[in-house]
Protein backbone atom coordinates (compact mmCIF):
# COMPACT_ATOMS: atom_id res chain seq x y z
CA UNK A 1 69.71 130.31 -22.80
CA UNK A 2 73.05 129.06 -21.52
CA UNK A 3 76.58 129.67 -22.75
CA UNK A 4 78.30 126.35 -23.53
CA UNK A 5 82.05 125.79 -23.86
CA UNK A 6 83.19 123.04 -26.24
CA UNK A 7 86.81 121.84 -26.04
CA UNK A 8 86.55 118.44 -27.77
CA UNK A 9 89.05 118.73 -30.60
CA UNK A 10 86.91 117.38 -33.46
CA UNK A 11 83.85 119.55 -32.76
CA UNK A 12 83.61 122.81 -34.67
CA UNK A 13 81.32 125.86 -34.99
CA UNK A 14 78.38 125.15 -37.29
CA UNK A 15 78.58 121.36 -37.03
CA UNK A 16 75.77 119.01 -36.02
CA UNK A 17 76.57 119.37 -32.32
CA UNK A 18 76.60 123.14 -32.56
CA UNK A 19 73.22 123.10 -34.31
CA UNK A 20 71.70 120.76 -31.72
CA UNK A 21 72.75 123.06 -28.92
CA UNK A 22 71.50 126.11 -30.80
CA UNK A 23 68.13 124.44 -31.41
CA UNK A 24 67.87 123.94 -27.65
CA UNK A 25 68.42 127.67 -27.19
CA UNK A 26 72.07 127.63 -26.12
CA UNK A 27 75.07 129.62 -27.36
CA UNK A 28 78.45 128.00 -27.89
CA UNK A 29 82.06 128.99 -27.41
CA UNK A 30 84.67 126.74 -29.05
CA UNK A 31 88.20 126.24 -27.76
CA UNK A 32 89.41 122.94 -29.23
CA UNK A 33 91.98 121.12 -27.12
CA UNK A 34 95.22 120.47 -29.00
CA UNK A 35 97.49 119.42 -26.14
CA UNK A 36 98.50 120.62 -22.70
CA UNK A 37 96.73 123.90 -21.93
CA UNK A 38 97.58 126.57 -19.38
CA UNK A 39 94.87 126.33 -16.69
CA UNK A 40 94.50 130.12 -16.79
CA UNK A 41 93.41 129.89 -20.43
CA UNK A 42 90.77 127.34 -19.50
CA UNK A 43 89.54 129.45 -16.59
CA UNK A 44 89.21 132.41 -18.94
CA UNK A 45 87.30 130.29 -21.45
CA UNK A 46 84.87 129.17 -18.72
CA UNK A 47 83.95 132.74 -17.80
CA UNK A 48 80.16 132.94 -17.84
CA UNK A 49 79.84 129.34 -19.05
CA UNK A 50 77.02 127.21 -17.62
CA UNK A 51 77.68 124.00 -19.52
CA UNK A 52 80.75 122.37 -21.07
CA UNK A 53 81.44 119.55 -23.50
CA UNK A 54 85.03 118.46 -22.96
CA UNK A 55 87.45 115.91 -24.35
CA UNK A 56 90.36 115.09 -22.06
CA UNK A 57 90.57 118.66 -20.78
CA UNK A 58 91.68 118.53 -17.10
CA UNK A 59 89.02 120.16 -14.96
CA UNK A 60 90.79 120.41 -11.63
CA UNK A 61 89.30 121.67 -8.37
CA UNK A 62 91.02 125.00 -8.94
CA UNK A 63 89.62 125.37 -12.45
CA UNK A 64 86.12 124.34 -11.40
CA UNK A 65 86.25 126.67 -8.42
CA UNK A 66 87.03 129.58 -10.74
CA UNK A 67 83.92 128.91 -12.87
CA UNK A 68 81.01 129.97 -10.63
CA UNK A 69 78.41 129.85 -13.42
CA UNK A 70 79.20 126.25 -14.42
CA UNK A 71 76.36 123.79 -13.77
CA UNK A 72 77.01 120.81 -16.03
CA UNK A 73 79.98 119.11 -17.67
CA UNK A 74 79.77 116.31 -20.23
CA UNK A 75 82.78 114.26 -21.27
CA UNK A 76 82.54 113.34 -24.95
CA UNK A 77 83.87 109.90 -24.04
CA UNK A 78 83.56 107.15 -21.47
CA UNK A 79 85.93 108.12 -18.63
CA UNK A 80 85.85 110.97 -16.15
CA UNK A 81 89.34 110.77 -14.63
CA UNK A 82 90.21 114.17 -16.14
CA UNK A 83 87.52 115.82 -14.00
CA UNK A 84 87.75 116.28 -10.24
CA UNK A 85 84.30 114.81 -9.61
CA UNK A 86 84.53 115.31 -5.84
CA UNK A 87 85.14 119.04 -6.33
CA UNK A 88 82.40 119.23 -8.96
CA UNK A 89 79.94 117.57 -6.59
CA UNK A 90 80.87 119.96 -3.81
CA UNK A 91 80.27 122.88 -6.20
CA UNK A 92 76.95 121.50 -7.45
CA UNK A 93 78.22 120.70 -10.95
CA UNK A 94 76.83 117.62 -12.67
CA UNK A 95 79.46 115.50 -14.48
CA UNK A 96 78.30 113.12 -17.21
CA UNK A 97 80.03 110.57 -19.42
CA UNK A 98 78.83 108.58 -22.43
CA UNK A 99 79.17 104.89 -21.45
CA UNK A 100 79.90 102.58 -24.35
CA UNK A 101 79.75 105.30 -26.99
CA UNK A 102 82.97 104.21 -28.71
CA UNK A 103 83.11 100.57 -27.57
CA UNK A 104 83.02 99.07 -31.06
CA UNK A 105 85.70 101.43 -32.32
CA UNK A 106 87.98 100.58 -29.37
CA UNK A 107 87.35 96.85 -29.78
CA UNK A 108 88.28 96.89 -33.47
CA UNK A 109 91.34 99.03 -32.78
CA UNK A 110 92.46 96.64 -30.05
CA UNK A 111 92.41 93.78 -32.54
CA UNK A 112 94.36 95.99 -34.91
CA UNK A 113 97.06 96.49 -32.29
CA UNK A 114 97.18 92.75 -31.60
CA UNK A 115 97.71 92.06 -35.29
CA UNK A 116 100.26 94.87 -35.57
CA UNK A 117 102.23 93.41 -32.67
CA UNK A 118 101.98 89.80 -33.81
CA UNK A 119 103.03 90.54 -37.40
CA UNK A 120 105.38 93.46 -36.54
CA UNK A 121 103.59 95.68 -39.05
CA UNK A 122 104.99 99.03 -37.92
CA UNK A 123 108.68 97.98 -37.90
CA UNK A 124 108.24 96.31 -41.29
CA UNK A 125 106.64 99.37 -42.85
CA UNK A 126 109.26 101.68 -41.34
CA UNK A 127 112.00 99.41 -42.69
CA UNK A 128 110.62 99.64 -46.21
CA UNK A 129 110.27 103.43 -45.87
CA UNK A 130 113.95 103.58 -44.89
CA UNK A 131 114.94 101.70 -48.04
CA UNK A 132 115.30 98.23 -46.55
CA UNK A 133 113.28 95.08 -47.26
CA UNK A 134 112.80 93.39 -43.84
CA UNK A 135 111.75 89.74 -43.96
CA UNK A 136 111.50 88.73 -40.29
CA UNK A 137 108.64 86.39 -39.44
CA UNK A 138 105.71 87.24 -37.21
CA UNK A 139 103.29 85.12 -35.22
CA UNK A 140 99.66 84.10 -35.65
CA UNK A 141 96.97 85.03 -33.15
CA UNK A 142 95.27 81.65 -33.50
CA UNK A 143 96.05 79.57 -30.45
CA UNK A 144 97.30 82.52 -28.40
CA UNK A 145 95.80 83.63 -25.09
CA UNK A 146 94.44 87.16 -24.68
CA UNK A 147 94.03 88.58 -21.19
CA UNK A 148 91.53 91.41 -20.77
CA UNK A 149 91.98 93.57 -17.70
CA UNK A 150 88.49 94.96 -17.14
CA UNK A 151 85.18 93.90 -18.64
CA UNK A 152 83.45 97.09 -19.73
CA UNK A 153 81.81 97.67 -23.09
CA UNK A 154 85.05 97.82 -25.09
CA UNK A 155 86.45 94.63 -23.53
CA UNK A 156 83.17 92.82 -24.17
CA UNK A 157 83.41 94.00 -27.77
CA UNK A 158 86.88 92.50 -28.08
CA UNK A 159 85.77 89.02 -27.00
CA UNK A 160 83.95 87.86 -30.16
CA UNK A 161 86.62 89.39 -32.39
CA UNK A 162 89.42 87.60 -30.53
CA UNK A 163 87.46 84.35 -30.52
CA UNK A 164 86.96 84.66 -34.29
CA UNK A 165 90.76 84.70 -34.60
CA UNK A 166 90.96 81.50 -32.56
CA UNK A 167 92.24 83.07 -29.35
CA UNK A 168 91.54 81.92 -25.82
CA UNK A 169 90.19 84.83 -23.75
CA UNK A 170 90.85 85.38 -20.05
CA UNK A 171 89.42 88.29 -18.08
CA UNK A 172 89.83 89.77 -14.63
CA UNK A 173 86.92 91.85 -13.37
CA UNK A 174 84.90 92.46 -10.23
CA UNK A 175 81.68 91.85 -12.20
CA UNK A 176 82.05 88.56 -14.12
CA UNK A 177 79.06 87.21 -16.03
CA UNK A 178 78.12 83.85 -17.54
CA UNK A 179 79.81 84.35 -20.93
CA UNK A 180 81.04 80.85 -21.80
CA UNK A 181 83.62 82.22 -24.25
CA UNK A 182 85.58 83.94 -21.45
CA UNK A 183 87.43 82.42 -18.51
CA UNK A 184 87.25 84.81 -15.57
CA UNK A 185 90.25 84.69 -13.28
CA UNK A 186 92.43 86.76 -10.97
CA UNK A 187 94.98 89.28 -12.24
CA UNK A 188 98.02 87.20 -11.30
CA UNK A 189 96.80 84.19 -13.25
CA UNK A 190 95.87 86.36 -16.22
CA UNK A 191 99.33 87.95 -16.32
CA UNK A 192 101.09 84.59 -16.07
CA UNK A 193 99.05 82.82 -18.75
CA UNK A 194 98.41 85.52 -21.36
CA UNK A 195 100.37 86.04 -24.57
CA UNK A 196 98.75 89.46 -24.92
CA UNK A 197 97.49 91.58 -22.01
CA UNK A 198 95.02 94.29 -23.01
CA UNK A 199 93.94 97.02 -20.58
CA UNK A 200 90.28 98.08 -20.53
CA UNK A 201 89.80 99.22 -16.94
CA UNK A 202 89.00 102.67 -15.58
CA UNK A 203 91.69 104.83 -14.02
CA UNK A 204 91.12 105.07 -10.26
CA UNK A 205 93.46 105.43 -7.28
CA UNK A 206 93.39 101.64 -7.02
CA UNK A 207 94.30 101.01 -10.68
CA UNK A 208 96.89 103.77 -11.10
CA UNK A 209 100.21 102.07 -11.99
CA UNK A 210 98.39 98.73 -11.99
CA UNK A 211 100.98 97.45 -14.44
CA UNK A 212 104.12 98.05 -12.43
CA UNK A 213 107.47 96.29 -12.20
CA UNK A 214 106.03 93.37 -10.25
CA UNK A 215 103.14 92.90 -12.67
CA UNK A 216 105.46 93.00 -15.67
CA UNK A 217 107.76 90.46 -14.06
CA UNK A 218 104.79 88.10 -13.79
CA UNK A 219 104.18 88.15 -17.56
CA UNK A 220 105.69 85.78 -20.13
CA UNK A 221 108.94 86.97 -21.76
CA UNK A 222 107.13 86.61 -25.11
CA UNK A 223 104.08 88.62 -23.96
CA UNK A 224 102.93 91.96 -25.35
CA UNK A 225 101.09 94.66 -23.39
CA UNK A 226 98.30 96.60 -25.14
CA UNK A 227 96.82 99.76 -23.63
CA UNK A 228 93.82 101.55 -25.12
CA UNK A 229 92.46 102.66 -21.74
CA UNK A 230 94.46 105.26 -19.78
CA UNK A 231 98.19 105.95 -19.74
CA UNK A 232 98.66 106.13 -15.95
CA UNK A 233 97.54 102.51 -15.61
CA UNK A 234 101.12 101.66 -16.62
CA UNK A 235 104.39 102.53 -14.90
CA UNK A 236 106.18 103.75 -18.03
CA UNK A 237 109.69 103.63 -16.58
CA UNK A 238 109.14 100.05 -15.46
CA UNK A 239 107.73 99.18 -18.88
CA UNK A 240 110.79 100.56 -20.67
CA UNK A 241 113.06 98.54 -18.39
CA UNK A 242 110.97 95.40 -18.91
CA UNK A 243 111.06 95.63 -22.70
CA UNK A 244 114.72 96.62 -23.02
CA UNK A 245 115.82 93.80 -20.71
CA UNK A 246 113.57 91.15 -22.23
CA UNK A 247 111.20 90.73 -19.28
CA UNK A 248 108.38 91.07 -21.85
CA UNK A 249 108.51 91.26 -25.63
CA UNK A 250 106.88 94.62 -26.23
CA UNK A 251 103.98 97.02 -25.90
CA UNK A 252 101.39 98.69 -28.12
CA UNK A 253 100.31 101.91 -26.41
CA UNK A 254 97.48 104.10 -27.66
CA UNK A 255 97.56 106.15 -24.44
CA UNK A 256 100.44 107.49 -22.36
CA UNK A 257 100.98 109.46 -19.16
CA UNK A 258 101.44 112.82 -20.89
CA UNK A 259 99.76 113.53 -24.21
CA UNK A 260 101.02 114.50 -26.73
CA UNK A 261 104.09 112.36 -26.05
CA UNK A 262 106.93 114.63 -24.84
CA UNK A 263 110.07 114.80 -26.96
CA UNK A 264 112.13 113.47 -24.05
CA UNK A 265 109.78 110.60 -23.16
CA UNK A 266 111.67 107.39 -22.31
CA UNK A 267 109.13 105.55 -24.47
CA UNK A 268 110.62 107.05 -27.61
CA UNK A 269 113.04 104.96 -29.62
CA UNK A 270 112.54 101.74 -27.67
CA UNK A 271 112.60 98.70 -29.95
CA UNK A 272 109.43 96.77 -29.17
CA UNK A 273 107.34 99.70 -27.91
CA UNK A 274 105.02 101.44 -30.38
CA UNK A 275 103.13 104.55 -29.27
CA UNK A 276 100.03 105.78 -31.10
CA UNK A 277 98.13 109.05 -30.67
CA UNK A 278 95.08 108.14 -28.53
CA UNK A 279 92.96 107.18 -31.52
CA UNK A 280 91.25 103.96 -30.39
CA UNK A 281 87.82 105.53 -30.13
CA UNK A 282 88.24 107.98 -32.98
CA UNK A 283 86.27 106.64 -35.91
CA UNK A 284 83.89 108.85 -37.89
CA UNK A 285 80.99 106.82 -36.52
CA UNK A 286 82.13 107.00 -32.89
CA UNK A 287 82.96 110.70 -33.11
CA UNK A 288 79.49 111.50 -34.44
CA UNK A 289 77.81 109.38 -31.78
CA UNK A 290 79.94 110.99 -29.05
CA UNK A 291 79.30 114.53 -30.25
CA UNK A 292 75.56 114.10 -30.65
CA UNK A 293 75.31 112.14 -27.41
CA UNK A 294 77.25 114.81 -25.52
CA UNK A 295 75.05 117.59 -26.88
CA UNK A 296 71.86 115.78 -25.93
CA UNK A 297 73.18 114.91 -22.48
CA UNK A 298 74.24 118.51 -21.86
CA UNK A 299 70.83 119.83 -22.90
CA UNK A 300 69.23 117.39 -20.46
CA UNK A 301 71.69 118.23 -17.69
CA UNK A 302 71.16 121.97 -18.07
CA UNK A 303 67.43 121.30 -17.81
CA UNK A 304 68.08 119.52 -14.51
CA UNK A 305 67.58 115.98 -15.81
CA UNK A 306 70.94 114.42 -16.75
CA UNK A 307 70.71 110.81 -17.93
CA UNK A 308 74.27 109.59 -17.43
CA UNK A 309 75.67 111.79 -14.66
CA UNK A 310 78.14 110.15 -12.31
CA UNK A 311 77.37 112.49 -9.44
CA UNK A 312 73.92 114.06 -9.82
CA UNK A 313 72.52 111.78 -7.12
CA UNK A 314 75.15 113.05 -4.71
CA UNK A 315 74.33 116.67 -5.50
CA UNK A 316 70.64 116.01 -4.91
CA UNK A 317 71.39 114.20 -1.66
CA UNK A 318 73.52 117.09 -0.51
């Protein structure tokens, strides 16, 4: 029997995930993440814990090093940039993700952001709420070009939806395939030709601040940036300057550098920039799949047979 810590915010004691772990003989400790947490609190919560299901909880080298019993971590999502995988590997801790678990949810949400930007839905609704009756025109997606940065499961899910709206789809990726509905190209070409640029790439040292001042200057002045991937992919200060000076038309951001968005964030109050609360993958269906998938992966990992670990092979080799 292992003690399991669960920090994913939508998982609760007595739910399906809790029952799956209990059926496997494990005990659970819940500490739902609701924002930035003091690392000391997380270290205390990990005391005696052998397995953890986490959301975007930052598991730094210091935190992992203070959890000697920990053997397996499962992210209830697709990325692992919140976990110091190198430190985890050194400490013999398996780190797993759930590839593609919320791809359909993210794809649909991306199209929602494209429509919201094209038809200015948020400013219109806010105008009515404030007692006005705004009548400015929007634009249609048909005939526009969508540039996808990255070609993982969520980006691939966007392609048929965008094509159904009559959009041309460009993509930059290191692993192109033979999809005839996508034109694969380099990042510079994609930025120059796209009316909408949507980010779907992982956060790595190479992609951090991928969308910087130079990249923004390459885009059309009528272009809109959409980010449902990771906040640090974008240089937020450069983005604010680009939108306020007309270098690009705007941005729809589901993710930001610091979440929740700080009260003094320069992104607040910028006409043309709309910030959402990291909800792209948060449908009832995706949440259930992520929770159940995380529980099953953690049970397997604690038994020494993880199925989607990003570092188990390195631990074995070491």
